[in-house]
Amino acid sequence: MTLTCRDVLGLLEQQLASTEFEGQFEYTPFQEFDFNGDRDTIAEDPQTYGAMLVPIFSGSDKTTVPVATGNQEYHPVYASAGNISNTARRGHGNAVMPIAFLPIPKTSKCQWNKPEFQKFCRQLYHLCLEAVFEPLRLYMTKPKVVRCPDGHFHCAIFSLGPYIADYPEQVWLVCIVLNWCPKCDARPENLDNPGSHCRSHAKTDFLINQWDPGILWDQFGIRSDIVPFTYSFPWADIHELLAPDLFHQLIKGTFKDHLVEWVVEYLHITHGEKGALEIIEDIDHWYTYGQDYNQWTGDDSKALIKVFLAAIAGYVPSAMVHCIANFMDACYIAHRNAITSPSLEHFHHCVNIFQELRNIFITMHVWTTISLPRQHALDHFYHAMQFFGSPNGLCSLITESKHIKAMTALYQLFSKQGMMLSTTSSYMGGIIRAESSSAQTCGDSAKEEEDDDGEPGYPRDLQMLAVHIKEPSFPLAFHQFLYTLEHPDLDPPSAADVCPPFKGKINVHHSAVAVFYAPSDLCGAGGMKRDGNWTVSSYSSPFTTVERTIPVH
């Protein structure tokens, strides 16, 4: 059970520097105003001088891979720079990248439901997410110079942005009780209560200081024993950051799992088992050519929406058709690439009509209550689309489409480390034998090694290299350098034993050439600059490889 993660800061820097997103990248916030219905006037925010804001779109979704893994569970985490356009994010490129695989604790069935184990799992979940995004913390308040798709360098401030997750994942993210809303304090038996209030970290802190855990659980749906990972990051509140999800909340949640199932149940109640099956078979031929729609994927469910009204017309009451029609109108608006203010108001109107008319399913004894979290999420779409824009760039279908690539990358990583060759015990035994062999090698006589990646004649051991180059202070300086990588704002200690340990190998290169682009520097035509006479040293360990250049004076 380990946390496997990438350097999210380095990954985002590579993403921002990619020319793949040139022309599909926004550098400043803006608002669009439609005055005459023919064209839009774009007004840039006059306050956006200085650093460029880079909100990080994130998402996580536990998945099971049945092929070649024995139904193994994985919990990938994805990230994307929010400045990238929705079109690029929906494409099959590198706009959304896997950044981590969260550990999934295992235990016996009798231990699984115990409160102590559940608390441990949730605490581990949030601690791991905090560790994944930790490299960004420093640059949430301090600008960092990054290269952007236009080839220029900009000062950037990073910030946690919208988070994509289905409802079960949202329950874990916001530390609430199941069946409560993750964004407001509406009670489970009346989620659409207009008198509910938005949740926030500040409000949760106040309630925790006022009430004991039992009251918090029963009256407010709060788990007081877990702290959300966003709590320790600047300007981040997970209740506000939860993004609307077109797939799990609209397409699959409200439409397929609720409305379609309710129509089927109505047919069984009204026409009996035999009559209902005949009608359902006739409806199926509209869009499935006789196949069972219950086994359809997300794309199949989207195709079902296009013909569902025509397929059920005449078999269900007109009020039921009108109810579903208003939901579909709202659904189509939410899927648009650009949502104007009039469209947003029309969406809000359609949702209100849908919520009034859906009581037909209670009247017809199809369902007993419509206080359902995924349908209730429609109440929060209106403000969420104002905050985050069109939801079609935040849909969980994007992250789910990345599952295959993420699993492939993880499989390649594990294969490279020899983890897929045999059993877990044999793999751990190999690690122990390798460490034992390495310890014996360190005790042998000094031996100079040659390596294809470095200049010949230089020892690759830190202490031996210091003797070879006649610099006895080199090991201490090297350990201090490692310390500054982890603590950039602190002065390095004077003793090597309190610095990060190093047992890897070092390669030495006599010279290198650095070519970079800096238009703000008056250093020649086009801002190109070339520097030489650099001594380059690189080091590697079993976990990381780092290269740094040091100018020779």
Protein backbone atom coordinates (compact mmCIF):
# COMPACT_ATOMS: atom_id res chain seq x y z
CA MET A 1 0.00 0.00 0.00
CA THR A 2 1.97 2.97 -1.31
CA LEU A 3 1.29 6.40 -2.75
CA THR A 4 2.60 6.60 -6.31
CA CYS A 5 2.82 10.19 -7.52
CA ARG A 6 4.61 12.45 -9.95
CA ASP A 7 6.02 15.93 -9.35
CA VAL A 8 2.85 17.91 -10.06
CA LEU A 9 4.78 21.18 -10.33
CA GLY A 10 7.21 19.82 -12.90
CA LEU A 11 4.39 18.18 -14.82
CA LEU A 12 2.39 21.42 -14.98
CA GLU A 13 5.48 23.34 -16.09
CA GLN A 14 5.88 20.90 -18.98
CA GLN A 15 2.18 21.22 -19.80
CA LEU A 16 2.30 25.03 -19.77
CA ALA A 17 5.38 25.06 -22.00
CA SER A 18 3.85 22.75 -24.61
CA THR A 19 3.19 24.38 -27.99
CA GLU A 20 0.32 21.90 -28.35
CA PHE A 21 -1.90 24.44 -26.57
CA GLU A 22 -0.86 27.55 -28.49
CA GLY A 23 -4.04 29.44 -29.37
CA GLN A 24 -6.01 27.46 -26.79
CA PHE A 25 -4.61 29.09 -23.67
CA GLU A 26 -5.90 32.10 -21.70
CA TYR A 27 -3.37 34.33 -19.94
CA THR A 28 -5.78 36.77 -18.27
CA PRO A 29 -9.33 36.43 -16.89
CA PHE A 30 -12.04 37.97 -19.04
CA GLN A 31 -15.79 38.41 -19.25
CA GLU A 32 -17.95 38.12 -22.34
CA PHE A 33 -20.89 40.49 -22.92
CA ASP A 34 -23.52 39.97 -25.61
CA PHE A 35 -25.25 43.30 -26.34
CA ASN A 36 -26.99 42.87 -29.69
CA GLY A 37 -27.17 39.11 -30.12
CA ASP A 38 -24.77 39.17 -33.10
CA ARG A 39 -21.30 39.42 -31.58
CA ASP A 40 -19.52 39.31 -28.26
CA THR A 41 -17.39 42.08 -26.80
CA ILE A 42 -14.52 40.84 -24.67
CA ALA A 43 -13.44 43.05 -21.78
CA GLU A 44 -10.26 42.15 -19.95
CA ASP A 45 -10.14 42.59 -16.21
CA PRO A 46 -8.18 45.83 -15.56
CA GLN A 47 -6.86 44.39 -12.29
CA THR A 48 -5.00 41.46 -13.88
CA TYR A 49 -1.60 43.11 -14.00
CA GLY A 50 1.38 41.13 -12.81
CA ALA A 51 1.24 37.42 -12.21
CA MET A 52 -0.81 35.02 -14.28
CA LEU A 53 -3.27 32.87 -12.29
CA VAL A 54 -3.03 29.15 -13.07
CA PRO A 55 -5.97 27.31 -11.43
CA ILE A 56 -5.40 23.58 -11.25
CA PHE A 57 -8.34 21.48 -12.44
CA SER A 58 -8.20 18.17 -10.58
CA GLY A 59 -10.15 14.96 -10.54
CA SER A 60 -10.08 11.51 -8.97
CA ASP A 61 -12.15 8.41 -9.52
CA LYS A 62 -11.63 4.90 -8.15
CA THR A 63 -11.86 2.32 -10.90
CA THR A 64 -11.61 -1.44 -11.28
CA VAL A 65 -9.51 -2.93 -14.10
CA PRO A 66 -10.76 -6.47 -14.84
CA VAL A 67 -8.37 -7.34 -17.68
CA ALA A 68 -5.05 -8.98 -16.67
CA THR A 69 -5.25 -7.62 -13.12
CA GLY A 70 -7.78 -9.88 -11.44
CA ASN A 71 -10.30 -7.04 -10.90
CA GLN A 72 -7.62 -4.91 -9.26
CA GLU A 73 -8.78 -1.52 -7.94
CA TYR A 74 -6.92 1.68 -8.80
CA HIS A 75 -7.51 5.22 -7.56
CA PRO A 76 -5.94 7.65 -10.08
CA VAL A 77 -5.73 11.42 -9.63
CA TYR A 78 -5.61 13.77 -12.63
CA ALA A 79 -4.65 17.42 -13.09
CA SER A 80 -4.86 20.07 -15.78
CA ALA A 81 -3.99 23.76 -16.03
CA GLY A 82 -7.25 25.70 -15.93
CA ASN A 83 -6.01 28.17 -18.54
CA ILE A 84 -6.31 25.51 -21.26
CA SER A 85 -9.52 25.68 -23.29
CA ASN A 86 -12.32 23.17 -22.85
CA THR A 87 -11.84 22.02 -26.44
CA ALA A 88 -8.24 21.03 -25.77
CA ARG A 89 -9.15 19.42 -22.43
CA ARG A 90 -11.80 17.24 -24.07
CA GLY A 91 -9.41 16.15 -26.82
CA HIS A 92 -7.22 13.09 -26.57
CA GLY A 93 -4.05 15.07 -25.87
CA ASN A 94 -2.01 15.97 -22.83
CA ALA A 95 -4.33 18.60 -21.35
CA VAL A 96 -5.35 16.17 -18.58
CA MET A 97 -2.54 14.11 -17.08
CA PRO A 98 -2.43 11.43 -14.35
CA ILE A 99 -0.41 12.71 -11.39
CA ALA A 100 -0.92 10.04 -8.73
CA PHE A 101 -2.35 6.68 -7.74
CA LEU A 102 -3.77 6.80 -4.24
CA PRO A 103 -3.26 3.81 -1.92
CA ILE A 104 -6.30 1.61 -1.30
CA PRO A 105 -6.13 0.01 2.18
CA LYS A 106 -7.22 -3.61 2.38
CA THR A 107 -8.46 -5.61 5.34
CA SER A 108 -10.72 -8.52 6.18
CA LYS A 109 -14.48 -8.23 5.74
CA CYS A 110 -15.08 -8.26 9.47
CA GLN A 111 -12.76 -5.28 9.93
CA TRP A 112 -13.92 -3.25 6.93
CA ASN A 113 -16.98 -1.62 8.52
CA LYS A 114 -15.33 -0.81 11.83
CA PRO A 115 -15.22 2.97 12.53
CA GLU A 116 -11.50 2.86 13.29
CA PHE A 117 -10.62 1.42 9.88
CA GLN A 118 -12.99 3.77 8.04
CA LYS A 119 -11.45 6.74 9.82
CA PHE A 120 -7.95 5.53 8.92
CA CYS A 121 -8.91 5.16 5.23
CA ARG A 122 -10.31 8.69 5.05
CA GLN A 123 -7.40 10.25 6.89
CA LEU A 124 -4.95 8.47 4.59
CA TYR A 125 -6.94 9.65 1.57
CA HIS A 126 -6.67 13.34 2.52
CA LEU A 127 -3.05 13.13 3.66
CA CYS A 128 -2.09 11.62 0.31
CA LEU A 129 -3.94 14.31 -1.66
CA GLU A 130 -2.20 16.95 0.44
CA ALA A 131 1.17 15.34 -0.34
CA VAL A 132 0.37 15.20 -4.06
CA PHE A 133 -0.32 18.95 -4.30
CA GLU A 134 2.34 19.98 -1.75
CA PRO A 135 4.92 21.08 -4.43
CA LEU A 136 2.47 23.84 -5.47
CA ARG A 137 2.07 25.35 -2.01
CA LEU A 138 5.06 27.73 -2.18
CA TYR A 139 3.93 29.14 -5.52
CA MET A 140 0.38 29.79 -4.38
CA THR A 141 1.63 32.96 -2.69
CA LYS A 142 4.95 33.52 -4.48
CA PRO A 143 5.14 33.92 -8.29
CA LYS A 144 7.07 31.36 -10.30
CA VAL A 145 8.48 32.05 -13.76
CA VAL A 146 7.11 29.52 -16.25
CA ARG A 147 7.25 29.17 -20.00
CA CYS A 148 3.90 29.27 -21.77
CA PRO A 149 2.61 27.94 -25.13
CA ASP A 150 3.42 31.24 -26.86
CA GLY A 151 7.12 30.69 -26.10
CA HIS A 152 7.29 33.60 -23.63
CA PHE A 153 7.99 33.48 -19.92
CA HIS A 154 5.35 34.61 -17.42
CA CYS A 155 5.12 34.93 -13.66
CA ALA A 156 2.50 32.45 -12.47
CA ILE A 157 0.55 31.99 -9.25
CA PHE A 158 -0.88 28.50 -8.83
CA SER A 159 -4.19 27.80 -7.11
CA LEU A 160 -6.33 24.74 -6.51
CA GLY A 161 -9.27 24.96 -8.88
CA PRO A 162 -12.38 22.92 -9.72
CA TYR A 163 -12.36 19.31 -8.56
CA ILE A 164 -14.14 16.65 -10.66
CA ALA A 165 -15.63 13.71 -8.75
CA ASP A 166 -18.74 11.56 -8.63
CA TYR A 167 -20.98 11.65 -5.56
CA PRO A 168 -19.29 8.86 -3.51
CA GLU A 169 -15.93 10.56 -4.07
CA GLN A 170 -17.41 13.94 -3.11
CA VAL A 171 -18.58 12.47 0.20
CA TRP A 172 -14.97 11.55 0.98
CA LEU A 173 -13.59 14.86 -0.28
CA VAL A 174 -15.80 17.12 1.87
CA CYS A 175 -15.92 14.78 4.92
CA ILE A 176 -19.70 14.51 5.19
CA VAL A 177 -22.17 11.73 5.95
CA LEU A 178 -23.58 9.74 3.03
CA ASN A 179 -26.81 11.11 1.45
CA TRP A 180 -26.07 14.69 2.59
CA CYS A 181 -25.22 17.39 0.06
CA PRO A 182 -21.49 18.19 -0.24
CA LYS A 183 -22.15 21.86 -1.10
CA CYS A 184 -25.01 22.88 1.23
CA ASP A 185 -26.47 21.87 4.60
CA ALA A 186 -29.86 20.68 3.27
CA ARG A 187 -31.06 17.61 5.14
CA PRO A 188 -31.17 14.24 3.26
CA GLU A 189 -34.96 13.96 3.56
CA ASN A 190 -35.43 17.42 1.96
CA LEU A 191 -32.38 18.20 -0.15
CA ASP A 192 -34.18 20.75 -2.32
CA ASN A 193 -35.15 22.90 0.66
CA PRO A 194 -34.76 26.54 -0.48
CA GLY A 195 -33.69 27.57 3.04
CA SER A 196 -30.40 25.65 2.99
CA HIS A 197 -27.03 27.42 3.24
CA CYS A 198 -23.69 26.82 1.56
CA ARG A 199 -21.04 24.83 3.39
CA SER A 200 -17.54 26.20 4.00
CA HIS A 201 -14.43 25.44 6.03
CA ALA A 202 -15.15 28.43 8.27
CA LYS A 203 -18.71 27.33 8.96
CA THR A 204 -17.58 23.76 9.69
CA ASP A 205 -14.96 25.05 12.15
CA PHE A 206 -17.62 27.09 13.94
CA LEU A 207 -20.00 24.11 14.22
CA ILE A 208 -17.23 21.80 15.45
CA ASN A 209 -16.43 24.27 18.24
CA GLN A 210 -20.10 24.46 19.24
CA TRP A 211 -21.38 20.87 19.11
CA ASP A 212 -20.21 17.37 19.95
CA PRO A 213 -19.49 14.80 17.17
CA GLY A 214 -22.87 13.05 17.56
CA ILE A 215 -24.89 16.21 16.94
CA LEU A 216 -22.62 17.18 14.05
CA TRP A 217 -23.25 13.79 12.45
CA ASP A 218 -27.04 13.74 12.96
CA GLN A 219 -27.97 17.41 12.53
CA PHE A 220 -25.37 18.71 10.07
CA GLY A 221 -23.99 15.61 8.32
CA ILE A 222 -20.40 16.50 9.29
CA ARG A 223 -17.63 14.03 10.10
CA SER A 224 -15.63 15.95 12.68
CA ASP A 225 -12.80 13.38 12.81
CA ILE A 226 -11.51 14.13 9.26
CA VAL A 227 -9.90 17.32 7.94
CA PRO A 228 -10.26 18.01 4.16
CA PHE A 229 -6.95 18.26 2.30
CA THR A 230 -7.81 21.74 0.98
CA TYR A 231 -7.89 23.10 4.53
CA SER A 232 -4.13 23.72 4.57
CA PHE A 233 -3.86 25.37 1.13
CA PRO A 234 -4.36 29.11 0.50
CA TRP A 235 -7.69 30.24 -0.95
CA ALA A 236 -8.97 26.67 -1.25
CA ASP A 237 -12.31 25.41 0.06
CA ILE A 238 -13.35 21.99 -1.23
CA HIS A 239 -17.06 22.85 -0.86
CA GLU A 240 -16.65 25.67 -3.38
CA LEU A 241 -14.25 23.78 -5.64
CA LEU A 242 -16.50 20.79 -6.38
CA ALA A 243 -17.34 21.08 -10.07
CA PRO A 244 -20.68 20.18 -11.71
CA ASP A 245 -20.45 16.78 -13.40
CA LEU A 246 -22.39 16.28 -16.62
CA PHE A 247 -21.89 12.53 -16.66
CA HIS A 248 -22.54 11.29 -13.13
CA GLN A 249 -25.08 13.97 -12.20
CA LEU A 250 -26.98 14.51 -15.48
CA ILE A 251 -26.43 11.80 -18.09
CA LYS A 252 -25.99 8.72 -15.94
CA GLY A 253 -27.30 9.98 -12.62
CA THR A 254 -30.54 11.87 -13.21
CA PHE A 255 -31.40 10.61 -16.71
CA LYS A 256 -30.41 6.95 -17.04
CA ASP A 257 -30.42 5.77 -13.40
CA HIS A 258 -33.50 7.77 -12.39
CA LEU A 259 -35.81 8.96 -15.18
CA VAL A 260 -35.39 5.97 -17.49
CA GLU A 261 -35.75 3.52 -14.61
CA TRP A 262 -38.84 5.37 -13.34
CA VAL A 263 -40.48 5.20 -16.76
CA VAL A 264 -39.84 1.45 -16.87
CA GLU A 265 -41.28 1.07 -13.36
CA TYR A 266 -44.35 3.11 -14.37
CA LEU A 267 -44.94 0.78 -17.33
CA HIS A 268 -44.80 -2.26 -15.07
CA ILE A 269 -47.24 -0.70 -12.59
CA THR A 270 -49.69 0.42 -15.28
CA HIS A 271 -49.57 -2.44 -17.83
CA GLY A 272 -48.39 -5.39 -15.79
CA GLU A 273 -45.34 -7.56 -16.40
CA LYS A 274 -46.29 -8.90 -19.84
CA GLY A 275 -47.63 -5.61 -21.23
CA ALA A 276 -44.66 -3.64 -19.88
CA LEU A 277 -42.15 -6.00 -21.51
CA GLU A 278 -43.89 -5.66 -24.88
CA ILE A 279 -43.84 -1.85 -24.64
CA ILE A 280 -40.18 -1.81 -23.48
CA GLU A 281 -39.21 -4.04 -26.40
CA ASP A 282 -40.91 -1.62 -28.78
CA ILE A 283 -39.15 1.34 -27.14
CA ASP A 284 -35.81 -0.46 -27.32
CA HIS A 285 -36.02 -0.71 -31.10
CA TRP A 286 -35.98 3.07 -31.34
CA TYR A 287 -32.38 3.31 -30.26
CA THR A 288 -30.84 -0.08 -29.39
CA TYR A 289 -31.92 -2.33 -32.24
CA GLY A 290 -33.21 -4.80 -29.69
CA GLN A 291 -30.24 -4.55 -27.30
CA ASP A 292 -30.63 -4.07 -23.55
CA TYR A 293 -29.98 -0.39 -22.74
CA ASN A 294 -29.08 -1.29 -19.15
CA GLN A 295 -25.63 -2.36 -20.39
CA TRP A 296 -24.92 0.83 -22.29
CA THR A 297 -21.89 3.04 -21.72
CA GLY A 298 -21.88 6.81 -21.11
CA ASP A 299 -21.81 7.54 -24.85
CA ASP A 300 -24.75 5.19 -25.38
CA SER A 301 -26.70 7.01 -22.67
CA LYS A 302 -26.06 10.33 -24.40
CA ALA A 303 -27.39 8.85 -27.64
CA LEU A 304 -30.46 7.60 -25.77
CA ILE A 305 -31.38 11.17 -24.76
CA LYS A 306 -31.84 12.18 -28.41
CA VAL A 307 -34.69 9.75 -29.10
CA PHE A 308 -36.15 9.01 -25.67
CA LEU A 309 -39.04 11.49 -25.82
CA ALA A 310 -40.22 10.19 -29.19
CA ALA A 311 -39.84 6.61 -27.98
CA ILE A 312 -42.03 7.00 -24.86
CA ALA A 313 -44.66 9.35 -26.36
CA GLY A 314 -48.07 7.67 -26.12
CA TYR A 315 -46.96 5.19 -23.48
CA VAL A 316 -46.68 7.59 -20.52
CA PRO A 317 -48.77 10.61 -19.36
CA SER A 318 -48.13 13.96 -21.07
CA ALA A 319 -47.05 15.49 -17.74
CA MET A 320 -44.29 12.87 -17.53
CA VAL A 321 -43.17 13.68 -21.07
CA HIS A 322 -43.22 17.40 -20.27
CA CYS A 323 -41.14 16.78 -17.14
CA ILE A 324 -38.45 14.84 -19.01
CA ALA A 325 -38.49 17.38 -21.87
CA ASN A 326 -37.61 20.22 -19.47
CA PHE A 327 -34.78 18.17 -18.01
CA MET A 328 -33.40 17.50 -21.50
CA ASP A 329 -33.57 21.21 -22.37
CA ALA A 330 -31.51 21.99 -19.27
CA CYS A 331 -29.13 19.15 -20.12
CA TYR A 332 -28.51 20.44 -23.65
CA ILE A 333 -27.79 23.95 -22.36
CA ALA A 334 -25.26 22.60 -19.85
CA HIS A 335 -23.46 20.77 -22.68
CA ARG A 336 -22.83 23.92 -24.73
CA ASN A 337 -19.29 25.16 -25.30
CA ALA A 338 -20.33 28.72 -24.44
CA ILE A 339 -23.20 29.53 -22.08
CA THR A 340 -24.50 33.11 -22.24
CA SER A 341 -26.43 34.83 -19.46
CA PRO A 342 -29.84 34.36 -21.19
CA SER A 343 -29.03 30.67 -21.71
CA LEU A 344 -28.07 30.34 -18.07
CA GLU A 345 -31.37 31.87 -17.00
CA HIS A 346 -33.24 29.52 -19.32
CA PHE A 347 -31.34 26.59 -17.77
CA HIS A 348 -32.45 27.75 -14.32
CA HIS A 349 -36.06 28.01 -15.51
CA CYS A 350 -36.02 24.50 -17.03
CA VAL A 351 -34.63 23.03 -13.82
CA ASN A 352 -37.39 24.67 -11.78
CA ILE A 353 -40.10 23.33 -14.11
CA PHE A 354 -38.54 19.87 -14.05
CA GLN A 355 -38.46 19.83 -10.24
CA GLU A 356 -42.14 20.81 -10.09
CA LEU A 357 -43.33 18.26 -12.65
CA ARG A 358 -41.28 15.30 -11.42
CA ASN A 359 -43.80 14.87 -8.59
CA ILE A 360 -45.80 12.94 -11.21
CA PHE A 361 -43.62 9.95 -10.38
CA ILE A 362 -44.72 10.14 -6.75
CA THR A 363 -48.36 10.61 -7.74
CA MET A 364 -48.17 7.50 -9.93
CA HIS A 365 -46.60 5.55 -7.03
CA VAL A 366 -43.39 4.99 -9.00
CA TRP A 367 -41.12 6.49 -6.36
CA THR A 368 -41.60 7.50 -2.74
CA THR A 369 -39.20 10.47 -2.50
CA ILE A 370 -37.17 12.59 -4.90
CA SER A 371 -34.70 13.87 -2.34
CA LEU A 372 -31.70 12.41 -4.22
CA PRO A 373 -28.16 13.87 -4.07
CA ARG A 374 -27.44 13.54 -7.79
CA GLN A 375 -30.70 15.26 -8.76
CA HIS A 376 -30.22 17.85 -6.05
CA ALA A 377 -26.88 18.74 -7.66
CA LEU A 378 -28.90 20.53 -10.38
CA ASP A 379 -29.62 23.25 -7.81
CA HIS A 380 -25.91 24.05 -7.67
CA PHE A 381 -25.25 23.98 -11.44
CA TYR A 382 -26.47 27.57 -11.88
CA HIS A 383 -23.85 29.14 -9.60
CA ALA A 384 -21.17 26.58 -10.48
CA MET A 385 -21.41 27.50 -14.17
CA GLN A 386 -21.04 31.16 -13.21
CA PHE A 387 -17.86 30.31 -11.27
CA PHE A 388 -16.25 27.72 -13.56
CA GLY A 389 -17.78 28.27 -17.00
CA SER A 390 -19.22 25.58 -19.23
CA PRO A 391 -19.15 22.17 -17.48
CA ASN A 392 -18.28 20.28 -20.67
CA GLY A 393 -14.61 20.87 -19.88
CA LEU A 394 -15.02 19.49 -16.34
CA CYS A 395 -16.96 16.30 -17.07
CA SER A 396 -15.79 13.08 -15.42
CA LEU A 397 -15.99 11.41 -18.85
CA ILE A 398 -12.68 13.20 -19.54
CA THR A 399 -10.94 11.63 -16.56
CA GLU A 400 -12.53 8.23 -17.22
CA SER A 401 -11.23 8.32 -20.78
CA LYS A 402 -7.74 8.72 -19.29
CA HIS A 403 -8.06 5.55 -17.20
CA ILE A 404 -6.65 3.32 -19.93
CA LYS A 405 -3.62 5.56 -20.49
CA ALA A 406 -3.08 5.89 -16.76
CA MET A 407 -3.26 2.13 -16.25
CA THR A 408 -0.84 1.60 -19.13
CA ALA A 409 1.64 4.09 -17.63
CA LEU A 410 1.37 2.46 -14.22
CA TYR A 411 1.82 -1.01 -15.71
CA GLN A 412 4.96 0.15 -17.55
CA LEU A 413 6.34 1.70 -14.36
CA PHE A 414 5.73 -1.46 -12.35
CA SER A 415 7.15 -3.63 -15.14
CA LYS A 416 10.30 -1.51 -15.31
CA GLN A 417 10.79 -2.03 -11.57
CA GLY A 418 10.22 -5.78 -11.91
CA MET A 419 6.97 -5.72 -9.94
CA MET A 420 4.92 -7.59 -12.56
CA LEU A 421 7.23 -10.57 -13.00
CA SER A 422 6.26 -12.69 -10.02
CA THR A 423 4.65 -12.51 -6.58
CA THR A 424 4.90 -9.62 -4.13
CA SER A 425 7.04 -11.68 -1.73
CA SER A 426 9.56 -12.55 -4.45
CA TYR A 427 9.78 -8.88 -5.47
CA MET A 428 10.46 -7.78 -1.87
CA GLY A 429 13.02 -10.56 -1.52
CA GLY A 430 14.84 -9.24 -4.57
CA ILE A 431 14.94 -5.74 -3.07
CA ILE A 432 16.42 -7.08 0.18
CA ARG A 433 19.06 -9.07 -1.70
CA ALA A 434 19.92 -6.02 -3.85
CA GLU A 435 20.33 -3.82 -0.76
CA SER A 436 22.55 -6.44 0.87
CA SER A 437 24.70 -6.70 -2.25
CA SER A 438 24.99 -2.90 -2.43
CA ALA A 439 26.16 -2.73 1.18
CA GLN A 440 28.92 -5.27 0.48
CA THR A 441 30.01 -3.40 -2.61
CA CYS A 442 30.42 -0.17 -0.61
CA GLY A 443 32.94 -1.95 1.63
CA ASP A 444 35.13 -3.12 -1.25
CA SER A 445 38.25 -1.32 -2.39
CA ALA A 446 37.89 1.97 -4.28
CA LYS A 447 37.44 1.54 -7.97
CA GLU A 448 37.09 4.15 -10.67
CA GLU A 449 34.21 3.52 -13.03
CA GLU A 450 33.53 4.66 -16.53
CA ASP A 451 29.99 5.38 -17.71
CA ASP A 452 28.56 6.13 -21.11
CA ASP A 453 26.55 9.01 -19.60
CA GLY A 454 29.57 10.81 -18.16
CA GLU A 455 33.21 11.58 -18.77
CA PRO A 456 35.55 8.58 -18.30
CA GLY A 457 38.03 8.49 -15.44
CA TYR A 458 35.79 10.00 -12.76
CA PRO A 459 34.61 7.97 -9.76
CA ARG A 460 30.82 7.81 -9.41
CA ASP A 461 30.92 7.62 -5.62
CA LEU A 462 30.51 10.96 -3.80
CA GLN A 463 33.42 10.56 -1.39
CA MET A 464 35.74 9.13 -4.03
CA LEU A 465 34.91 11.93 -6.44
CA ALA A 466 35.80 14.50 -3.76
CA VAL A 467 39.24 12.88 -3.34
CA HIS A 468 39.71 12.67 -7.10
CA ILE A 469 38.99 16.36 -7.74
CA LYS A 470 40.83 17.37 -4.54
CA GLU A 471 37.80 19.13 -3.05
CA PRO A 472 37.27 17.72 0.49
CA SER A 473 34.32 20.10 1.10
CA PHE A 474 32.42 18.81 -1.95
CA PRO A 475 30.35 16.13 -0.08
CA LEU A 476 29.12 18.69 2.46
CA ALA A 477 28.26 21.19 -0.27
CA PHE A 478 26.42 18.47 -2.17
CA HIS A 479 24.31 17.48 0.86
CA GLN A 480 23.57 21.16 1.52
CA PHE A 481 22.42 21.48 -2.08
CA LEU A 482 19.99 18.59 -1.57
CA TYR A 483 18.70 20.33 1.57
CA THR A 484 17.98 23.56 -0.35
CA LEU A 485 15.91 21.60 -2.89
CA GLU A 486 13.55 20.50 -0.13
CA HIS A 487 13.73 23.74 1.89
CA PRO A 488 14.29 26.60 -0.59
CA ASP A 489 13.52 29.30 2.01
CA LEU A 490 15.90 28.02 4.70
CA ASP A 491 19.66 28.26 5.08
CA PRO A 492 21.39 24.87 4.79
CA PRO A 493 22.79 23.36 8.00
CA SER A 494 26.52 23.15 8.58
CA ALA A 495 26.53 19.39 9.28
CA ALA A 496 26.01 16.77 6.56
CA ASP A 497 24.31 14.27 8.87
CA VAL A 498 21.20 16.48 9.23
CA CYS A 499 20.93 16.95 5.45
CA PRO A 500 19.10 14.52 3.13
CA PRO A 501 21.10 11.27 2.70
CA PHE A 502 22.50 10.28 -0.69
CA LYS A 503 23.59 6.81 -1.82
CA GLY A 504 23.34 7.19 -5.57
CA LYS A 505 25.88 7.65 -8.35
CA ILE A 506 27.25 10.83 -9.93
CA ASN A 507 28.11 11.51 -13.57
CA VAL A 508 30.52 14.32 -14.55
CA HIS A 509 30.40 16.18 -17.88
CA HIS A 510 33.12 18.69 -18.78
CA SER A 511 30.93 21.08 -20.75
CA ALA A 512 27.43 21.79 -22.01
CA VAL A 513 25.59 24.45 -24.00
CA ALA A 514 22.38 26.12 -22.80
CA VAL A 515 20.07 27.82 -25.32
CA PHE A 516 17.00 29.62 -24.02
CA TYR A 517 14.41 32.19 -25.07
CA ALA A 518 13.91 35.33 -22.97
CA PRO A 519 12.14 38.16 -24.86
CA SER A 520 12.30 40.42 -21.82
CA ASP A 521 16.12 40.31 -21.93
CA LEU A 522 17.82 42.55 -24.51
CA CYS A 523 20.33 39.91 -25.45
CA GLY A 524 20.15 39.72 -29.21
CA ALA A 525 17.75 39.23 -32.10
CA GLY A 526 14.59 37.42 -31.10
CA GLY A 527 15.65 37.19 -27.48
CA MET A 528 17.79 34.10 -28.11
CA LYS A 529 20.84 33.62 -25.92
CA ARG A 530 23.57 30.98 -25.90
CA ASP A 531 25.86 30.25 -22.96
CA GLY A 532 28.77 27.81 -22.83
CA ASN A 533 31.55 26.70 -20.48
CA TRP A 534 29.26 25.04 -18.00
CA THR A 535 30.25 22.09 -15.88
CA VAL A 536 27.29 19.79 -15.53
CA SER A 537 26.87 17.26 -12.78
CA SER A 538 23.93 14.92 -12.45
CA TYR A 539 23.00 12.49 -9.74
CA SER A 540 20.48 9.72 -9.48
CA SER A 541 18.98 7.60 -6.76
CA PRO A 542 16.51 4.70 -6.81
CA PHE A 543 13.66 7.21 -6.56
CA THR A 544 14.65 10.28 -8.56
CA THR A 545 17.01 11.74 -11.12
CA VAL A 546 18.00 15.41 -10.95
CA GLU A 547 20.24 17.46 -13.20
CA ARG A 548 21.64 20.89 -12.35
CA THR A 549 24.11 23.18 -14.13
CA ILE A 550 26.81 25.12 -12.29
CA PRO A 551 28.67 27.97 -14.04
CA VAL A 552 32.46 27.78 -14.03
CA HIS A 553 34.15 30.98 -12.83
